[in-house]
């Protein structure tokens, strides 16, 4: 196992720069998830760590080695792809053993490693099957087994669950997390699914347009997003955003939503009249006798929760309610929030106001 250090890493295709001098460290044994919308550069960054993309500038170190100019085979990494990449004419055992045979590893050691990986992944009953006789989840386990037998310093996962159905994705992300807890191998995992990121990561790296917006543990990003982009991207349903202005009267601070007001805790740097964007998580909104008036447009009962989408101040706002109520489309309602659960962002810069 080893740590990974990324320093001022850039990637350009001709005159188009897609990664802009990013840098961060991944300690030995940590599970880090790169997350962001399509085109943000997360897969390109992963492929540069793997050696599948050339580096325009910067430095990547794995353990005590700078690997910029090393081919993938010499970086001591193992990569699991979205499309499994299994040989259809080889059995499960042969697929898992192929890379070891190419490295001239002895037969006894190959058998031992394949047997160990198949036990970890529950593949022993399928070792003599061909990929066509396996389910999607089983094929993904074989791809993971092929990575495990190499006993690498770093695992790299490139959206490995995208081809699976919803139920199987939940099962597989649990299995991948359990695998990491057992092996303690440094892992870099790419996904566009922020639920995967929240449930699997020790730390999350949020990317947008080739830049890193924020790095931190999942709950830190959820509770204290650095900017509007992170606040909107992390969390499902996403954070509600409403434009407002700060008002101070009689030593109290109010948030003025164009004539409708909610009290808020006093904060530094929030002078009277300042234009802000106020963020509130859906689970922190609740019906109240006094609050922001709106009209329900959609009611979504999920069983454990009820999601109501409300038109408020010309925008759609989502509230997630634990208690069931008799809500109907077209119904008028007032929504309020605990002031301590409001997030304030500078409307000009999009940055969090502490």
Protein backbone atom coordinates (compact mmCIF):
# COMPACT_ATOMS: atom_id res chain seq x y z
CA UNK A 1 0.00 0.00 0.00
CA UNK A 2 1.07 3.59 -0.54
CA UNK A 3 -0.02 7.19 -0.42
CA UNK A 4 -0.73 9.22 -3.57
CA UNK A 5 0.46 12.82 -3.96
CA UNK A 6 -0.76 15.06 -6.77
CA UNK A 7 1.01 18.38 -7.32
CA UNK A 8 -0.04 21.22 -9.69
CA UNK A 9 -1.41 18.71 -12.19
CA UNK A 10 -2.63 20.03 -15.54
CA UNK A 11 -3.94 18.42 -18.70
CA UNK A 12 -4.46 20.08 -22.07
CA UNK A 13 -5.69 18.86 -25.41
CA UNK A 14 -4.11 21.35 -27.79
CA UNK A 15 -5.17 24.79 -26.60
CA UNK A 16 -7.97 23.42 -24.41
CA UNK A 17 -7.00 22.95 -20.76
CA UNK A 18 -9.26 20.42 -19.03
CA UNK A 19 -7.41 20.06 -15.69
CA UNK A 20 -6.18 23.27 -14.06
CA UNK A 21 -3.20 22.77 -11.71
CA UNK A 22 -5.01 20.59 -9.17
CA UNK A 23 -3.25 19.18 -6.15
CA UNK A 24 -4.06 17.10 -3.07
CA UNK A 25 -2.75 14.15 -1.03
CA UNK A 26 -4.34 10.75 -0.48
CA UNK A 27 -2.90 9.11 2.66
CA UNK A 28 -2.05 5.42 2.69
CA UNK A 29 -5.20 3.31 3.06
CA UNK A 30 -7.71 6.12 2.43
CA UNK A 31 -10.80 5.75 0.22
CA UNK A 32 -11.14 8.96 -1.83
CA UNK A 33 -13.99 9.63 -4.25
CA UNK A 34 -13.68 12.08 -7.15
CA UNK A 35 -17.15 13.39 -7.91
CA UNK A 36 -18.63 15.98 -10.21
CA UNK A 37 -20.84 16.42 -13.27
CA UNK A 38 -19.98 14.94 -16.67
CA UNK A 39 -17.03 16.74 -18.24
CA UNK A 40 -15.57 18.04 -14.97
CA UNK A 41 -12.27 16.16 -15.47
CA UNK A 42 -12.58 13.46 -12.79
CA UNK A 43 -12.01 10.48 -15.14
CA UNK A 44 -9.18 12.30 -16.91
CA UNK A 45 -7.52 12.87 -13.53
CA UNK A 46 -7.91 9.19 -12.63
CA UNK A 47 -6.50 8.10 -15.98
CA UNK A 48 -3.46 10.33 -15.44
CA UNK A 49 -2.84 8.62 -12.10
CA UNK A 50 -3.16 5.27 -13.90
CA UNK A 51 -0.79 6.30 -16.68
CA UNK A 52 -3.45 6.03 -19.40
CA UNK A 53 -3.30 9.78 -20.11
CA UNK A 54 -0.14 11.84 -20.52
CA UNK A 55 0.48 14.65 -18.04
CA UNK A 56 0.83 18.15 -19.49
CA UNK A 57 2.46 19.53 -16.34
CA UNK A 58 2.71 18.75 -12.65
CA UNK A 59 3.71 15.66 -10.70
CA UNK A 60 2.12 12.41 -9.48
CA UNK A 61 3.79 10.31 -6.79
CA UNK A 62 2.74 6.86 -5.63
CA UNK A 63 4.59 5.91 -2.48
CA UNK A 64 8.13 7.24 -2.75
CA UNK A 65 8.20 7.22 -6.57
CA UNK A 66 7.33 9.95 -9.05
CA UNK A 67 5.40 8.05 -11.72
CA UNK A 68 4.94 10.73 -14.39
CA UNK A 69 6.97 8.83 -16.99
CA UNK A 70 6.22 5.27 -15.88
CA UNK A 71 3.86 3.08 -17.96
CA UNK A 72 0.76 1.70 -16.20
CA UNK A 73 2.37 -1.73 -15.75
CA UNK A 74 5.13 -0.24 -13.61
CA UNK A 75 2.96 1.94 -11.34
CA UNK A 76 1.76 -0.93 -9.12
CA UNK A 77 -1.89 0.05 -9.54
CA UNK A 78 -4.98 -1.95 -10.49
CA UNK A 79 -7.94 -0.38 -12.30
CA UNK A 80 -11.59 -1.46 -12.45
CA UNK A 81 -13.54 -0.02 -15.37
CA UNK A 82 -17.21 0.65 -16.00
CA UNK A 83 -17.45 -1.98 -18.75
CA UNK A 84 -15.79 -4.89 -16.83
CA UNK A 85 -13.39 -5.64 -19.78
CA UNK A 86 -13.52 -9.42 -19.27
CA UNK A 87 -12.27 -11.91 -21.85
CA UNK A 88 -15.42 -13.73 -23.05
CA UNK A 89 -13.53 -16.89 -24.04
CA UNK A 90 -11.86 -17.30 -20.64
CA UNK A 91 -13.35 -18.67 -17.43
CA UNK A 92 -13.67 -16.59 -14.28
CA UNK A 93 -10.49 -18.17 -12.90
CA UNK A 94 -8.57 -17.50 -16.13
CA UNK A 95 -9.77 -13.90 -16.29
CA UNK A 96 -8.60 -13.30 -12.75
CA UNK A 97 -5.26 -15.02 -13.34
CA UNK A 98 -4.44 -13.51 -16.75
CA UNK A 99 -2.37 -10.53 -15.55
CA UNK A 100 -0.37 -12.76 -13.20
CA UNK A 101 0.42 -15.19 -16.00
CA UNK A 102 1.63 -12.33 -18.17
CA UNK A 103 3.99 -11.36 -15.35
CA UNK A 104 5.33 -14.95 -15.19
CA UNK A 105 4.08 -15.53 -11.65
CA UNK A 106 4.36 -19.18 -10.57
CA UNK A 107 1.35 -21.47 -10.92
CA UNK A 108 1.13 -22.20 -7.20
CA UNK A 109 1.09 -18.50 -6.30
CA UNK A 110 -1.47 -17.75 -9.00
CA UNK A 111 -3.75 -20.45 -7.65
CA UNK A 112 -3.34 -19.13 -4.12
CA UNK A 113 -4.11 -15.53 -5.09
CA UNK A 114 -7.12 -16.47 -7.24
CA UNK A 115 -8.47 -18.68 -4.47
CA UNK A 116 -8.05 -15.90 -1.89
CA UNK A 117 -9.74 -13.28 -4.08
CA UNK A 118 -12.61 -15.61 -4.99
CA UNK A 119 -13.27 -16.29 -1.30
CA UNK A 120 -13.28 -12.57 -0.50
CA UNK A 121 -15.73 -11.85 -3.33
CA UNK A 122 -17.91 -14.97 -3.07
CA UNK A 123 -16.85 -16.20 -6.51
CA UNK A 124 -15.66 -19.73 -5.69
CA UNK A 125 -18.82 -21.41 -7.13
CA UNK A 126 -18.30 -19.55 -10.43
CA UNK A 127 -14.59 -20.06 -11.14
CA UNK A 128 -15.25 -22.39 -14.10
CA UNK A 129 -18.01 -20.29 -15.65
CA UNK A 130 -17.62 -17.96 -18.58
CA UNK A 131 -18.65 -14.26 -18.37
CA UNK A 132 -21.75 -14.87 -20.51
CA UNK A 133 -23.12 -17.13 -17.74
CA UNK A 134 -22.77 -14.43 -15.05
CA UNK A 135 -25.02 -11.60 -13.91
CA UNK A 136 -23.88 -7.99 -14.12
CA UNK A 137 -22.98 -7.93 -10.44
CA UNK A 138 -21.00 -11.17 -10.72
CA UNK A 139 -19.07 -9.81 -13.71
CA UNK A 140 -18.21 -6.72 -11.72
CA UNK A 141 -16.93 -8.94 -8.90
CA UNK A 142 -14.71 -10.78 -11.39
CA UNK A 143 -13.29 -7.44 -12.56
CA UNK A 144 -12.62 -6.55 -8.93
CA UNK A 145 -11.09 -10.00 -8.34
CA UNK A 146 -8.72 -9.47 -11.26
CA UNK A 147 -7.57 -6.27 -9.52
CA UNK A 148 -7.26 -7.89 -6.09
CA UNK A 149 -5.01 -10.76 -7.24
CA UNK A 150 -2.41 -8.25 -8.38
CA UNK A 151 -2.05 -7.04 -4.76
CA UNK A 152 -1.48 -3.44 -5.91
CA UNK A 153 -0.49 -0.39 -3.91
CA UNK A 154 -3.50 1.55 -5.23
CA UNK A 155 -6.96 0.59 -6.52
CA UNK A 156 -8.51 2.87 -9.18
CA UNK A 157 -12.25 2.59 -9.90
CA UNK A 158 -13.72 4.42 -12.92
CA UNK A 159 -17.53 4.55 -12.47
CA UNK A 160 -17.69 0.77 -11.93
CA UNK A 161 -21.40 0.64 -11.03
CA UNK A 162 -22.88 2.74 -13.84
CA UNK A 163 -24.02 -0.30 -15.85
CA UNK A 164 -25.89 -1.91 -12.94
CA UNK A 165 -29.53 -1.50 -11.97
CA UNK A 166 -30.43 0.56 -8.89
CA UNK A 167 -30.77 -2.33 -6.42
CA UNK A 168 -27.53 -3.95 -7.53
CA UNK A 169 -25.68 -0.62 -7.32
CA UNK A 170 -26.64 -0.32 -3.65
CA UNK A 171 -25.46 -3.88 -2.99
CA UNK A 172 -22.18 -3.45 -4.89
CA UNK A 173 -21.22 -0.17 -3.27
CA UNK A 174 -21.61 -1.86 0.12
CA UNK A 175 -19.44 -4.75 -1.07
CA UNK A 176 -16.74 -2.39 -2.39
CA UNK A 177 -16.70 -0.50 0.91
CA UNK A 178 -16.46 -3.76 2.88
CA UNK A 179 -13.65 -4.88 0.57
CA UNK A 180 -11.72 -1.70 1.30
CA UNK A 181 -12.19 -2.09 5.04
CA UNK A 182 -10.79 -5.60 4.77
CA UNK A 183 -7.83 -4.90 2.46
CA UNK A 184 -7.01 -1.32 3.60
CA UNK A 185 -5.61 -0.54 0.13
CA UNK A 186 -5.45 3.10 -0.98
CA UNK A 187 -8.43 3.62 -3.29
CA UNK A 188 -9.41 6.35 -5.76
CA UNK A 189 -12.98 6.04 -6.99
CA UNK A 190 -14.64 8.13 -9.73
CA UNK A 191 -18.40 8.64 -9.91
CA UNK A 192 -20.93 11.26 -11.00
CA UNK A 193 -23.37 9.89 -8.39
CA UNK A 194 -23.11 11.98 -5.22
CA UNK A 195 -25.01 9.32 -3.22
CA UNK A 196 -22.19 6.85 -4.03
CA UNK A 197 -19.69 9.49 -2.99
CA UNK A 198 -21.46 10.24 0.32
CA UNK A 199 -21.90 6.60 1.33
CA UNK A 200 -18.48 5.25 0.32
CA UNK A 201 -15.82 7.93 0.79
CA UNK A 202 -13.47 8.72 3.63
CA UNK A 203 -13.01 12.02 1.78
CA UNK A 204 -14.69 13.50 -1.27
CA UNK A 205 -13.02 15.64 -3.92
CA UNK A 206 -15.70 17.75 -5.66
CA UNK A 207 -14.67 18.86 -9.15
CA UNK A 208 -16.12 21.31 -11.65
CA UNK A 209 -14.67 22.34 -15.02
CA UNK A 210 -11.23 20.91 -14.24
CA UNK A 211 -10.95 22.59 -10.84
CA UNK A 212 -11.31 21.28 -7.29
CA UNK A 213 -14.16 23.06 -5.52
CA UNK A 214 -13.83 21.39 -2.10
CA UNK A 215 -12.18 18.43 -0.39
CA UNK A 216 -13.38 16.92 2.87
CA UNK A 217 -15.28 14.17 4.69
CA UNK A 218 -18.81 13.60 3.34
CA UNK A 219 -20.67 15.20 6.25
CA UNK A 220 -18.37 18.22 6.28
CA UNK A 221 -19.23 18.90 2.64
CA UNK A 222 -22.90 18.35 3.39
CA UNK A 223 -23.02 20.58 6.47
CA UNK A 224 -20.59 23.32 5.39
CA UNK A 225 -20.30 23.54 1.60
CA UNK A 226 -17.76 26.10 0.42
CA UNK A 227 -19.91 27.50 -2.34
CA UNK A 228 -23.22 27.28 -4.16
CA UNK A 229 -21.95 24.62 -6.57
CA UNK A 230 -20.94 22.19 -3.80
CA UNK A 231 -24.11 22.96 -1.83
CA UNK A 232 -26.28 22.18 -4.86
CA UNK A 233 -24.33 19.11 -5.99
CA UNK A 234 -23.97 17.32 -2.64
CA UNK A 235 -27.31 16.12 -1.28
CA UNK A 236 -30.39 14.53 -2.83
CA UNK A 237 -32.78 16.26 -3.24
CA UNK A 238 -30.40 19.17 -3.68
CA UNK A 239 -30.28 22.22 -1.45
CA UNK A 240 -32.96 24.85 -2.08
CA UNK A 241 -31.58 28.24 -3.14
CA UNK A 242 -33.47 31.54 -2.85
CA UNK A 243 -32.20 35.07 -3.47
CA UNK A 244 -32.65 37.51 -0.61
CA UNK A 245 -31.25 40.61 1.06
CA UNK A 246 -29.95 41.05 4.61
CA UNK A 247 -31.82 43.44 6.92
CA UNK A 248 -30.78 44.54 10.40
CA UNK A 249 -33.35 46.01 12.77
CA UNK A 250 -33.21 46.50 16.56
CA UNK A 251 -30.12 44.33 16.89
CA UNK A 252 -31.71 41.46 14.98
CA UNK A 253 -30.91 40.07 11.55
CA UNK A 254 -33.60 39.26 9.02
CA UNK A 255 -33.55 37.72 5.57
CA UNK A 256 -35.82 39.60 3.21
CA UNK A 257 -37.16 37.52 0.30
CA UNK A 258 -38.73 40.41 -1.59
CA UNK A 259 -41.22 41.41 1.10
CA UNK A 260 -41.36 38.11 2.99
CA UNK A 261 -39.02 37.89 5.98
CA UNK A 262 -37.46 35.15 8.08
CA UNK A 263 -35.35 35.76 11.16
CA UNK A 264 -31.74 34.57 10.95
CA UNK A 265 -28.76 34.44 13.33
CA UNK A 266 -26.44 37.46 13.20
CA UNK A 267 -23.33 36.80 11.12
CA UNK A 268 -20.13 38.74 10.52
CA UNK A 269 -19.81 40.55 7.23
CA UNK A 270 -23.54 40.68 6.61
CA UNK A 271 -24.14 44.41 6.31
CA UNK A 272 -27.64 45.77 5.83
CA UNK A 273 -28.87 45.44 2.26
CA UNK A 274 -26.30 42.81 1.24
CA UNK A 275 -27.54 40.59 -1.60
CA UNK A 276 -27.22 36.92 -0.66
CA UNK A 277 -28.35 33.49 -1.76
CA UNK A 278 -29.90 31.54 1.09
CA UNK A 279 -29.63 27.76 1.00
CA UNK A 280 -31.83 25.40 3.00
CA UNK A 281 -31.71 21.60 2.85
CA UNK A 282 -35.10 20.02 1.98
CA UNK A 283 -35.22 18.17 5.31
CA UNK A 284 -34.85 21.48 7.19
CA UNK A 285 -38.03 22.99 5.73
CA UNK A 286 -41.37 22.42 7.45
CA UNK A 287 -44.98 23.68 7.20
CA UNK A 288 -45.75 26.49 9.62
CA UNK A 289 -48.44 29.05 10.34
CA UNK A 290 -46.00 31.80 9.40
CA UNK A 291 -43.28 31.51 6.80
CA UNK A 292 -42.74 31.82 3.08
CA UNK A 293 -46.06 31.40 1.24
CA UNK A 294 -46.24 28.96 -1.64
CA UNK A 295 -48.41 26.55 -3.58
CA UNK A 296 -47.82 22.79 -3.75
CA UNK A 297 -47.29 21.55 -7.30
CA UNK A 298 -46.23 17.91 -6.71
CA UNK A 299 -46.56 15.45 -3.82
CA UNK A 300 -44.19 12.45 -3.82
CA UNK A 301 -44.84 9.90 -1.05
CA UNK A 302 -41.85 7.54 -0.67
CA UNK A 303 -43.08 5.63 2.37
CA UNK A 304 -40.61 6.74 5.01
CA UNK A 305 -40.82 10.35 3.80
CA UNK A 306 -43.05 12.68 1.82
CA UNK A 307 -41.47 15.04 -0.69
CA UNK A 308 -43.49 18.12 -1.57
CA UNK A 309 -42.48 20.50 -4.35
CA UNK A 310 -43.73 24.00 -3.70
CA UNK A 311 -43.69 27.14 -5.85
CA UNK A 312 -42.21 29.83 -3.59
CA UNK A 313 -41.28 33.33 -4.76
CA UNK A 314 -41.26 32.18 -8.38
CA UNK A 315 -39.00 29.18 -7.74
CA UNK A 316 -39.54 25.49 -7.07
CA UNK A 317 -38.61 24.48 -3.54
CA UNK A 318 -38.49 20.90 -2.22
CA UNK A 319 -39.36 19.97 1.35
CA UNK A 320 -38.76 16.47 2.75
CA UNK A 321 -41.13 15.67 5.60
CA UNK A 322 -40.78 12.69 7.94
CA UNK A 323 -44.35 12.94 9.18
CA UNK A 324 -47.17 12.14 6.79
CA UNK A 325 -49.73 14.81 6.08
CA UNK A 326 -52.73 15.39 3.88
CA UNK A 327 -50.94 17.35 1.17
CA UNK A 328 -52.46 17.89 -2.26
CA UNK A 329 -51.33 19.64 -5.46
CA UNK A 330 -52.72 23.16 -5.61
CA UNK A 331 -52.78 23.49 -1.83
CA UNK A 332 -51.45 26.76 -0.36
CA UNK A 333 -48.85 26.36 2.37
CA UNK A 334 -46.29 28.32 4.37
CA UNK A 335 -42.75 26.94 4.75
CA UNK A 336 -40.33 27.89 7.53
CA UNK A 337 -36.83 26.83 8.56
CA UNK A 338 -34.79 26.87 11.74
CA UNK A 339 -32.44 29.86 11.30
CA UNK A 340 -29.48 27.75 12.43
CA UNK A 341 -29.98 25.53 9.37
CA UNK A 342 -29.73 28.35 6.83
CA UNK A 343 -26.65 28.61 4.62
CA UNK A 344 -25.60 32.06 3.34
CA UNK A 345 -23.67 32.60 0.10
CA UNK A 346 -22.46 35.84 -1.42
CA UNK A 347 -24.63 36.29 -4.50
CA UNK A 348 -21.79 37.91 -6.48
CA UNK A 349 -19.11 35.25 -5.87
CA UNK A 350 -21.17 32.20 -4.91
CA UNK A 351 -18.85 31.65 -1.93
CA UNK A 352 -19.99 30.70 1.56
CA UNK A 353 -20.33 33.47 4.13
CA UNK A 354 -19.18 32.26 7.57
